[in-house]
Amino acid sequence: MSIITSASILSACVTAALVFGTTTSAPKPEAPSLPHTVDGGVSMRVLWSISEYKVGENAVWGEEEASKLLFKPLEIGSSKITFDGQTCHDVIFEKEMVSLKEYLDRVYQVTPQALGIGGDEVEVVKTNCPLPGFAEYLRLRDRRLIIHLKGVFFYFEPGVNY
């Protein structure tokens, strides 16, 4: 009569796994390494891309010009903005919460409903960046950004890129 112990059961399982080519747990794949910053920290940046647009009244651009910017990426860092192959460096960002309805009426003579956005307040971001559309832009509560360029409102959807 033989005595079966937990050690002998474990040994039998390991032997069977080796013989039959199976394992009890698969090795975990290594995560890709994150890009590093100049000072040795890990970089995580948020990218946006144009997901839609609305052509305003009396716009300089029409559907043809506006549609060419769909899916163009935007990168905003702590002191830079990169869009459409151009970069602003040493950017200063000033943020202010304002009444959405009053701001859109005063600056663009348009209603929130015409742009398909809601809420009472919106964050206005003012910068010293001379790239068209980025001297002043909107950040919505859902993290989308809106820039106004040649009479067209471009909506940027956020995406996280590690």
Protein backbone atom coordinates (compact mmCIF):
# COMPACT_ATOMS: atom_id res chain seq x y z
CA MET A 1 0.00 0.00 0.00
CA SER A 2 1.36 3.40 -0.95
CA ILE A 3 0.77 6.68 0.83
CA ILE A 4 -0.21 9.62 -1.38
CA THR A 5 0.93 12.97 -0.08
CA SER A 6 0.30 16.44 -1.41
CA ALA A 7 3.98 16.61 -2.39
CA SER A 8 3.66 13.47 -4.52
CA ILE A 9 0.49 14.80 -6.19
CA LEU A 10 2.25 18.06 -6.97
CA SER A 11 5.25 16.18 -8.33
CA ALA A 12 2.97 14.07 -10.56
CA CYS A 13 1.23 17.20 -11.89
CA VAL A 14 4.51 18.92 -12.70
CA THR A 15 5.81 15.77 -14.43
CA ALA A 16 2.58 15.47 -16.46
CA ALA A 17 2.77 19.11 -17.45
CA LEU A 18 6.33 18.69 -18.65
CA VAL A 19 5.57 15.47 -20.54
CA PHE A 20 2.40 16.69 -22.21
CA GLY A 21 3.65 20.22 -22.86
CA THR A 22 1.10 22.07 -20.75
CA THR A 23 1.65 24.37 -17.85
CA THR A 24 -0.58 25.32 -15.01
CA SER A 25 -0.03 29.06 -15.59
CA ALA A 26 1.06 30.90 -18.69
CA PRO A 27 3.93 33.34 -18.40
CA LYS A 28 2.74 36.94 -18.34
CA PRO A 29 3.87 39.08 -21.24
CA GLU A 30 6.06 42.01 -20.36
CA ALA A 31 4.43 45.40 -20.64
CA PRO A 32 6.02 47.75 -23.14
CA SER A 33 8.36 50.19 -21.53
CA LEU A 34 7.11 53.74 -21.14
CA PRO A 35 9.00 56.58 -22.83
CA HIS A 36 11.26 58.54 -20.52
CA THR A 37 11.57 62.27 -20.16
CA VAL A 38 14.82 64.22 -20.23
CA ASP A 39 14.98 64.32 -16.43
CA GLY A 40 14.53 60.54 -16.16
CA GLY A 41 10.81 60.54 -15.31
CA VAL A 42 8.18 58.56 -17.19
CA SER A 43 6.24 60.42 -19.89
CA MET A 44 2.51 60.05 -20.23
CA ARG A 45 0.85 62.38 -22.70
CA VAL A 46 -2.71 62.91 -23.71
CA LEU A 47 -3.35 63.16 -27.41
CA TRP A 48 -6.46 64.41 -29.11
CA SER A 49 -7.66 63.97 -32.67
CA ILE A 50 -10.33 65.79 -34.61
CA SER A 51 -13.46 63.66 -34.50
CA GLU A 52 -16.01 66.06 -35.96
CA TYR A 53 -16.58 69.62 -37.05
CA LYS A 54 -19.42 72.09 -37.55
CA VAL A 55 -19.21 74.74 -40.24
CA GLY A 56 -20.40 78.06 -38.83
CA GLU A 57 -22.38 80.75 -40.62
CA ASN A 58 -20.28 82.87 -42.98
CA ALA A 59 -17.33 80.49 -42.57
CA VAL A 60 -14.27 81.02 -44.77
CA TRP A 61 -13.81 77.25 -44.99
CA GLY A 62 -16.46 74.84 -46.19
CA GLU A 63 -16.98 71.10 -45.95
CA GLU A 64 -14.13 70.30 -48.33
CA GLU A 65 -11.43 72.14 -46.37
CA ALA A 66 -12.79 71.14 -42.96
CA SER A 67 -13.02 67.43 -43.80
CA LYS A 68 -9.30 67.37 -44.64
CA LEU A 69 -8.52 67.94 -40.95
CA LEU A 70 -10.59 65.01 -39.66
CA PHE A 71 -8.52 62.65 -37.50
CA LYS A 72 -5.50 65.00 -37.40
CA PRO A 73 -3.72 64.55 -34.06
CA LEU A 74 -3.10 67.21 -31.46
CA GLU A 75 -0.52 66.99 -28.70
CA ILE A 76 -0.59 69.37 -25.77
CA GLY A 77 2.22 69.17 -23.24
CA SER A 78 2.92 71.23 -20.15
CA SER A 79 4.56 73.95 -22.27
CA LYS A 80 3.96 73.05 -25.92
CA ILE A 81 1.23 72.52 -28.50
CA THR A 82 1.78 70.46 -31.65
CA PHE A 83 -0.82 70.39 -34.41
CA ASP A 84 -0.67 69.72 -38.14
CA GLY A 85 3.13 69.52 -38.20
CA GLN A 86 3.67 72.78 -36.33
CA THR A 87 4.76 73.24 -32.71
CA CYS A 88 4.56 76.13 -30.27
CA HIS A 89 7.18 75.99 -27.51
CA ASP A 90 7.20 77.76 -24.14
CA VAL A 91 3.41 78.00 -24.16
CA ILE A 92 1.71 79.65 -21.21
CA PHE A 93 -1.80 78.37 -20.48
CA GLU A 94 -4.38 80.52 -18.68
CA LYS A 95 -7.65 78.79 -17.79
CA GLU A 96 -10.93 80.41 -16.85
CA MET A 97 -14.44 79.08 -16.23
CA VAL A 98 -17.09 81.19 -18.00
CA SER A 99 -20.78 81.04 -18.84
CA LEU A 100 -21.04 78.84 -21.94
CA LYS A 101 -24.02 80.66 -23.45
CA GLU A 102 -22.65 84.17 -22.86
CA TYR A 103 -19.16 83.29 -24.13
CA LEU A 104 -20.37 81.65 -27.36
CA ASP A 105 -22.79 84.52 -28.04
CA ARG A 106 -20.18 87.22 -27.37
CA VAL A 107 -17.22 85.64 -29.18
CA TYR A 108 -18.78 83.58 -32.01
CA GLN A 109 -22.43 84.72 -32.17
CA VAL A 110 -23.58 81.10 -31.91
CA THR A 111 -25.62 79.12 -29.38
CA PRO A 112 -24.54 76.00 -27.47
CA GLN A 113 -27.43 74.15 -29.16
CA ALA A 114 -26.06 74.99 -32.62
CA LEU A 115 -22.77 73.38 -31.59
CA GLY A 116 -24.45 70.42 -29.92
CA ILE A 117 -22.97 71.09 -26.50
CA GLY A 118 -24.64 71.56 -23.13
CA GLY A 119 -23.89 72.75 -19.66
CA ASP A 120 -23.82 76.12 -17.99
CA GLU A 121 -20.09 76.69 -17.83
CA VAL A 122 -17.10 75.93 -20.02
CA GLU A 123 -13.36 76.21 -19.50
CA VAL A 124 -11.73 78.75 -21.82
CA VAL A 125 -8.00 78.20 -22.30
CA LYS A 126 -5.97 81.19 -23.48
CA THR A 127 -2.39 80.75 -24.66
CA ASN A 128 0.46 82.67 -26.23
CA CYS A 129 0.59 80.12 -29.09
CA PRO A 130 0.24 81.73 -32.53
CA LEU A 131 -0.97 78.52 -34.23
CA PRO A 132 -4.37 79.24 -35.80
CA GLY A 133 -7.14 78.24 -33.39
CA PHE A 134 -4.95 77.79 -30.33
CA ALA A 135 -4.68 81.33 -28.94
CA GLU A 136 -8.02 80.60 -27.28
CA TYR A 137 -9.95 77.33 -27.22
CA LEU A 138 -12.63 75.55 -25.21
CA ARG A 139 -12.34 72.51 -22.98
CA LEU A 140 -15.66 70.78 -22.34
CA ARG A 141 -16.55 68.84 -19.19
CA ASP A 142 -16.20 65.55 -21.12
CA ARG A 143 -12.53 66.55 -21.88
CA ARG A 144 -13.18 67.31 -25.57
CA LEU A 145 -11.57 70.44 -26.94
CA ILE A 146 -13.08 72.84 -29.47
CA ILE A 147 -11.07 75.21 -31.60
CA HIS A 148 -12.45 77.74 -34.06
CA LEU A 149 -10.58 77.97 -37.33
CA LYS A 150 -11.68 79.84 -40.47
CA GLY A 151 -15.29 79.80 -39.26
CA VAL A 152 -15.33 76.06 -38.51
CA PHE A 153 -15.62 74.55 -35.02
CA PHE A 154 -13.35 71.49 -34.71
CA TYR A 155 -13.97 68.96 -31.96
CA PHE A 156 -11.01 67.02 -30.56
CA GLU A 157 -11.65 63.72 -28.79
CA PRO A 158 -9.12 62.80 -26.09
CA GLY A 159 -7.14 59.60 -26.16
CA VAL A 160 -4.48 58.48 -23.71
CA ASN A 161 -1.13 57.45 -25.17
CA TYR A 162 1.48 55.91 -22.89
